[in-house]
C-alpha atoms as a PDB file:
ATOM      1  CA  MET A   1       0.000   0.000   0.000  1.00  0.00           C
ATOM      2  CA  GLN A   2       1.379   3.393  -0.992  1.00  0.00           C
ATOM      3  CA  GLU A   3       1.586   6.228   1.559  1.00  0.00           C
ATOM      4  CA  PHE A   4      -1.260   8.165  -0.004  1.00  0.00           C
ATOM      5  CA  GLU A   5      -3.484   5.077  -0.183  1.00  0.00           C
ATOM      6  CA  ALA A   6      -3.004   4.474   3.555  1.00  0.00           C
ATOM      7  CA  LEU A   7      -3.734   8.115   4.404  1.00  0.00           C
ATOM      8  CA  PHE A   8      -6.732   8.140   2.079  1.00  0.00           C
ATOM      9  CA  ALA A   9      -8.151   4.958   3.647  1.00  0.00           C
ATOM     10  CA  PHE A  10      -7.748   6.427   7.144  1.00  0.00           C
ATOM     11  CA  TYR A  11      -9.470   9.669   6.148  1.00  0.00           C
ATOM     12  CA  ALA A  12     -12.230   7.821   4.284  1.00  0.00           C
ATOM     13  CA  LEU A  13     -12.910   5.736   7.389  1.00  0.00           C
ATOM     14  CA  LEU A  14     -13.242   8.827   9.571  1.00  0.00           C
ATOM     15  CA  LEU A  15     -15.457  10.674   7.106  1.00  0.00           C
ATOM     16  CA  GLY A  16     -17.486   7.505   6.540  1.00  0.00           C
ATOM     17  CA  LEU A  17     -18.314   7.427  10.250  1.00  0.00           C
ATOM     18  CA  ALA A  18     -19.743  10.939  10.009  1.00  0.00           C
ATOM     19  CA  VAL A  19     -21.763  10.049   6.898  1.00  0.00           C
ATOM     20  CA  ALA A  20     -23.138   6.874   8.504  1.00  0.00           C
ATOM     21  CA  ASN A  21     -24.040   8.752  11.686  1.00  0.00           C
ATOM     22  CA  VAL A  22     -25.907  11.446   9.741  1.00  0.00           C
ATOM     23  CA  ALA A  23     -27.797   8.810   7.751  1.00  0.00           C
ATOM     24  CA  THR A  24     -28.756   7.142  11.035  1.00  0.00           C
ATOM     25  CA  ALA A  25     -29.793  10.496  12.494  1.00  0.00           C
ATOM     26  CA  PHE A  26     -32.027  11.143   9.466  1.00  0.00           C
ATOM     27  CA  ALA A  27     -33.638   7.726   9.909  1.00  0.00           C
ATOM     28  CA  GLU A  28     -34.202   8.401  13.611  1.00  0.00           C
ATOM     29  CA  MET A  29     -35.724  11.806  12.799  1.00  0.00           C
ATOM     30  CA  TYR A  30     -38.082  10.138  10.380  1.00  0.00           C
ATOM     31  CA  LYS A  31     -39.149   7.594  12.999  1.00  0.00           C
ATOM     32  CA  ALA A  32     -39.628  10.305  15.650  1.00  0.00           C
ATOM     33  CA  ARG A  33     -41.530  12.707  13.366  1.00  0.00           C
ATOM     34  CA  GLY A  34     -44.887  12.101  15.067  1.00  0.00           C
ATOM     35  CA  ARG A  35     -43.550  12.629  18.589  1.00  0.00           C
ATOM     36  CA  VAL A  36     -40.930  15.316  18.016  1.00  0.00           C
ATOM     37  CA  ARG A  37     -41.137  18.518  15.972  1.00  0.00           C
ATOM     38  CA  ILE A  38     -38.233  18.114  13.547  1.00  0.00           C
ATOM     39  CA  GLY A  39     -38.020  21.581  11.971  1.00  0.00           C
ATOM     40  CA  TRP A  40     -35.353  22.545   9.422  1.00  0.00           C
ATOM     41  CA  THR A  41     -32.201  23.486  11.312  1.00  0.00           C
ATOM     42  CA  VAL A  42     -30.986  20.046  12.433  1.00  0.00           C
ATOM     43  CA  PRO A  43     -31.648  18.403   9.046  1.00  0.00           C
ATOM     44  CA  LEU A  44     -29.816  21.315   7.363  1.00  0.00           C
ATOM     45  CA  LEU A  45     -26.878  20.787   9.708  1.00  0.00           C
ATOM     46  CA  GLY A  46     -26.884  17.095   8.791  1.00  0.00           C
ATOM     47  CA  ALA A  47     -26.877  18.009   5.098  1.00  0.00           C
ATOM     48  CA  VAL A  48     -23.916  20.350   5.683  1.00  0.00           C
ATOM     49  CA  VAL A  49     -21.991  17.540   7.390  1.00  0.00           C
ATOM     50  CA  LEU A  50     -22.759  15.166   4.494  1.00  0.00           C
ATOM     51  CA  ALA A  51     -21.661  17.714   1.886  1.00  0.00           C
ATOM     52  CA  ALA A  52     -18.558  18.678   3.871  1.00  0.00           C
ATOM     53  CA  ALA A  53     -17.525  15.036   4.270  1.00  0.00           C
ATOM     54  CA  CYS A  54     -17.836  14.485   0.508  1.00  0.00           C
ATOM     55  CA  GLN A  55     -16.034  17.715  -0.296  1.00  0.00           C
ATOM     56  CA  GLN A  56     -13.174  16.948   2.109  1.00  0.00           C
ATOM     57  CA  TRP A  57     -12.771  13.463   0.679  1.00  0.00           C
ATOM     58  CA  LEU A  58     -12.559  14.905  -2.839  1.00  0.00           C
ATOM     59  CA  SER A  59     -10.091  17.573  -1.706  1.00  0.00           C
ATOM     60  CA  LEU A  60      -7.729  14.994  -0.279  1.00  0.00           C
ATOM     61  CA  PHE A  61      -8.025  12.868  -3.417  1.00  0.00           C
ATOM     62  CA  ARG A  62      -7.211  15.872  -5.613  1.00  0.00           C
ATOM     63  CA  ALA A  63      -4.211  16.767  -3.441  1.00  0.00           C
ATOM     64  CA  GLN A  64      -2.650  13.292  -3.602  1.00  0.00           C
ATOM     65  CA  ALA A  65       0.418  14.470  -5.538  1.00  0.00           C
ATOM     66  CA  ASP A  66       1.384  16.696  -2.602  1.00  0.00           C
ATOM     67  CA  MET A  67       0.458  14.311   0.218  1.00  0.00           C
ATOM     68  CA  ARG A  68       2.535  11.811   2.123  1.00  0.00           C
ATOM     69  CA  LEU A  69       1.865   9.746   5.216  1.00  0.00           C
ATOM     70  CA  GLY A  70       3.170  11.235   8.425  1.00  0.00           C
ATOM     71  CA  ALA A  71       2.077  12.309  11.867  1.00  0.00           C
ATOM     72  CA  GLY A  72       1.212  15.807  10.634  1.00  0.00           C
ATOM     73  CA  GLU A  73      -1.035  14.488   7.899  1.00  0.00           C
ATOM     74  CA  LEU A  74      -2.771  12.130  10.320  1.00  0.00           C
ATOM     75  CA  PHE A  75      -3.447  14.955  12.762  1.00  0.00           C
ATOM     76  CA  ILE A  76      -4.753  17.128   9.928  1.00  0.00           C
ATOM     77  CA  CYS A  77      -7.149  14.326   8.966  1.00  0.00           C
ATOM     78  CA  LEU A  78      -8.288  14.097  12.587  1.00  0.00           C
ATOM     79  CA  ALA A  79      -8.774  17.872  12.858  1.00  0.00           C
ATOM     80  CA  MET A  80     -10.803  17.861   9.670  1.00  0.00           C
ATOM     81  CA  ALA A  81     -12.953  14.768  10.308  1.00  0.00           C
ATOM     82  CA  LEU A  82     -13.500  14.466  14.073  1.00  0.00           C
ATOM     83  CA  PRO A  83     -15.673  17.593  14.316  1.00  0.00           C
ATOM     84  CA  TYR A  84     -17.997  16.134  11.674  1.00  0.00           C
ATOM     85  CA  ILE A  85     -18.177  12.846  13.590  1.00  0.00           C
ATOM     86  CA  PHE A  86     -18.908  14.798  16.784  1.00  0.00           C
ATOM     87  CA  ILE A  87     -21.675  16.836  15.133  1.00  0.00           C
ATOM     88  CA  SER A  88     -23.157  13.723  13.553  1.00  0.00           C
ATOM     89  CA  GLN A  89     -23.489  12.179  17.004  1.00  0.00           C
ATOM     90  CA  VAL A  90     -24.749  15.296  18.807  1.00  0.00           C
ATOM     91  CA  ILE A  91     -27.560  15.965  16.295  1.00  0.00           C
ATOM     92  CA  ARG A  92     -29.095  12.705  17.529  1.00  0.00           C
ATOM     93  CA  PRO A  93     -30.715  13.568  20.873  1.00  0.00           C
ATOM     94  CA  ARG A  94     -32.707  11.119  22.907  1.00  0.00           C
ATOM     95  CA  TYR A  95     -36.113  11.700  21.404  1.00  0.00           C
ATOM     96  CA  ASP A  96     -37.877  10.924  24.667  1.00  0.00           C
ATOM     97  CA  GLU A  97     -36.094  13.950  26.190  1.00  0.00           C
ATOM     98  CA  VAL A  98     -36.882  16.602  23.555  1.00  0.00           C
ATOM     99  CA  ALA A  99     -40.085  17.985  22.090  1.00  0.00           C
ATOM    100  CA  SER A 100     -38.483  19.973  19.278  1.00  0.00           C
ATOM    101  CA  LEU A 101     -35.210  19.624  17.395  1.00  0.00           C
ATOM    102  CA  GLU A 102     -35.284  23.393  16.819  1.00  0.00           C
ATOM    103  CA  ALA A 103     -35.193  23.948  20.586  1.00  0.00           C
ATOM    104  CA  TYR A 104     -32.513  21.268  20.948  1.00  0.00           C
ATOM    105  CA  TYR A 105     -30.389  22.987  18.274  1.00  0.00           C
ATOM    106  CA  SER A 106     -30.863  26.368  19.988  1.00  0.00           C
ATOM    107  CA  GLN A 107     -29.640  24.939  23.293  1.00  0.00           C
ATOM    108  CA  HIS A 108     -26.533  23.410  21.679  1.00  0.00           C
ATOM    109  CA  ARG A 109     -25.956  25.933  18.878  1.00  0.00           C
ATOM    110  CA  ARG A 110     -22.594  27.253  20.041  1.00  0.00           C
ATOM    111  CA  VAL A 111     -21.106  23.782  20.420  1.00  0.00           C
ATOM    112  CA  LEU A 112     -22.490  22.541  17.086  1.00  0.00           C
ATOM    113  CA  VAL A 113     -21.509  25.636  15.112  1.00  0.00           C
ATOM    114  CA  GLY A 114     -18.192  25.875  16.964  1.00  0.00           C
ATOM    115  CA  ALA A 115     -17.456  22.326  15.852  1.00  0.00           C
ATOM    116  CA  LEU A 116     -18.168  23.401  12.251  1.00  0.00           C
ATOM    117  CA  LEU A 117     -15.491  26.067  12.637  1.00  0.00           C
ATOM    118  CA  ILE A 118     -12.697  23.616  13.561  1.00  0.00           C
ATOM    119  CA  PRO A 119     -12.292  22.006  10.099  1.00  0.00           C
ATOM    120  CA  VAL A 120     -12.406  25.463   8.497  1.00  0.00           C
ATOM    121  CA  LEU A 121      -9.595  26.670  10.752  1.00  0.00           C
ATOM    122  CA  ALA A 122      -7.583  23.499  10.144  1.00  0.00           C
ATOM    123  CA  SER A 123      -8.115  23.781   6.397  1.00  0.00           C
ATOM    124  CA  SER A 124      -7.039  27.430   6.466  1.00  0.00           C
ATOM    125  CA  VAL A 125      -3.784  26.581   8.231  1.00  0.00           C
ATOM    126  CA  VAL A 126      -3.048  23.658   5.897  1.00  0.00           C
ATOM    127  CA  ASN A 127      -3.796  25.724   2.784  1.00  0.00           C
ATOM    128  CA  VAL A 128      -1.445  28.499   3.926  1.00  0.00           C
ATOM    129  CA  ILE A 129       1.317  26.004   4.753  1.00  0.00           C
ATOM    130  CA  TYR A 130       1.022  24.205   1.406  1.00  0.00           C
ATOM    131  CA  THR A 131       0.882  27.503  -0.497  1.00  0.00           C
ATOM    132  CA  VAL A 132       4.041  28.809   1.175  1.00  0.00           C
ATOM    133  CA  ALA A 133       5.880  25.469   1.056  1.00  0.00           C
ATOM    134  CA  GLY A 134       4.875  24.873  -2.551  1.00  0.00           C
ATOM    135  CA  GLN A 135       6.022  28.371  -3.458  1.00  0.00           C
ATOM    136  CA  GLU A 136       2.843  28.943  -5.391  1.00  0.00           C
ATOM    137  CA  GLU A 137       2.038  32.386  -6.660  1.00  0.00           C
ATOM    138  CA  ILE A 138       0.581  34.214  -3.695  1.00  0.00           C
ATOM    139  CA  LEU A 139      -2.076  36.375  -5.401  1.00  0.00           C
ATOM    140  CA  PRO A 140      -4.066  33.545  -7.055  1.00  0.00           C
ATOM    141  CA  ALA A 141      -3.745  31.477  -3.864  1.00  0.00           C
ATOM    142  CA  VAL A 142      -5.022  34.377  -1.733  1.00  0.00           C
ATOM    143  CA  LEU A 143      -7.960  34.987  -4.075  1.00  0.00           C
ATOM    144  CA  GLY A 144      -8.881  31.309  -4.045  1.00  0.00           C
ATOM    145  CA  PHE A 145      -8.511  31.239  -0.270  1.00  0.00           C
ATOM    146  CA  LEU A 146     -10.788  34.262   0.152  1.00  0.00           C
ATOM    147  CA  ILE A 147     -13.498  32.756  -2.032  1.00  0.00           C
ATOM    148  CA  TYR A 148     -13.313  29.268  -0.569  1.00  0.00           C
ATOM    149  CA  GLN A 149     -12.655  29.976   3.101  1.00  0.00           C
ATOM    150  CA  GLY A 150     -14.140  33.473   3.217  1.00  0.00           C
ATOM    151  CA  VAL A 151     -17.638  32.226   2.457  1.00  0.00           C
ATOM    152  CA  ARG A 152     -17.281  29.524   5.093  1.00  0.00           C
ATOM    153  CA  TYR A 153     -16.166  32.010   7.753  1.00  0.00           C
ATOM    154  CA  ALA A 154     -18.892  34.454   6.650  1.00  0.00           C
ATOM    155  CA  CYS A 155     -21.492  31.741   7.301  1.00  0.00           C
ATOM    156  CA  ILE A 156     -20.178  30.246  10.519  1.00  0.00           C
ATOM    157  CA  ILE A 157     -19.106  33.311  12.521  1.00  0.00           C
ATOM    158  CA  PRO A 158     -22.522  35.057  12.379  1.00  0.00           C
ATOM    159  CA  MET A 159     -24.119  31.752  13.391  1.00  0.00           C
ATOM    160  CA  LEU A 160     -21.929  31.751  16.503  1.00  0.00           C
ATOM    161  CA  ILE A 161     -22.825  35.345  17.356  1.00  0.00           C
ATOM    162  CA  TRP A 162     -26.536  35.622  16.544  1.00  0.00           C
ATOM    163  CA  PRO A 163     -28.908  32.898  17.767  1.00  0.00           C
ATOM    164  CA  GLY A 164     -31.837  33.782  15.501  1.00  0.00           C
ATOM    165  CA  VAL A 165     -33.384  30.924  13.542  1.00  0.00           C
ATOM    166  CA  ALA A 166     -33.194  32.933  10.299  1.00  0.00           C
ATOM    167  CA  VAL A 167     -29.444  33.482  10.773  1.00  0.00           C
ATOM    168  CA  GLN A 168     -28.907  29.786  11.519  1.00  0.00           C
ATOM    169  CA  ARG A 169     -30.935  28.517   8.578  1.00  0.00           C
ATOM    170  CA  THR A 170     -29.484  31.048   6.134  1.00  0.00           C
ATOM    171  CA  GLY A 171     -25.945  30.254   7.262  1.00  0.00           C
ATOM    172  CA  LEU A 172     -26.503  26.521   6.914  1.00  0.00           C
ATOM    173  CA  ILE A 173     -28.151  26.858   3.488  1.00  0.00           C
ATOM    174  CA  VAL A 174     -25.369  29.078   2.120  1.00  0.00           C
ATOM    175  CA  LEU A 175     -22.723  26.812   3.654  1.00  0.00           C
ATOM    176  CA  PHE A 176     -24.368  23.740   2.098  1.00  0.00           C
ATOM    177  CA  VAL A 177     -24.683  25.303  -1.360  1.00  0.00           C
ATOM    178  CA  HIS A 178     -21.131  26.672  -1.245  1.00  0.00           C
ATOM    179  CA  THR A 179     -19.730  23.312  -0.152  1.00  0.00           C
ATOM    180  CA  VAL A 180     -21.557  21.477  -2.926  1.00  0.00           C
ATOM    181  CA  LEU A 181     -20.413  24.010  -5.540  1.00  0.00           C
ATOM    182  CA  MET A 182     -16.798  23.676  -4.389  1.00  0.00           C
ATOM    183  CA  MET A 183     -16.899  19.981  -5.268  1.00  0.00           C
ATOM    184  CA  PHE A 184     -17.061  20.802  -8.982  1.00  0.00           C
END
């Protein structure tokens, strides 16, 4: 097994856990729909995690020429994937303890949205390091960084600050659409 193949398998396993957990959470929401008010925010968060997991997997695959297997790369994979696994578990409350997933999200918003920020921060650091180490032209890299990461920060930071449902839903929708578009 080549270094990249081992790293890719490790990362795919981690991201696969998040995807499986979100799929399970969606199934549990469906089963609980008569007893619990589902709303839109938690399913949107699940969709963001699914899209982000797919996008991160594609990003690593596309970067394979620059990747090797080492402790740094493993920790980067953990920093990128573990928050999605965490979120995918936390969006699954005990349905006998909640009446509304909207209320549940509101109570745990800072933790959930804060966890969304961790992969963005990790990705920002990695992108800067690879840009400087690869001696790429700075201006195109900065413009790409601002478009890619800027939108993500512009969605997540307001969601941390303002608790309003409209801010949360808008941030999640824009983050989902942006993440999906960045896969192409």
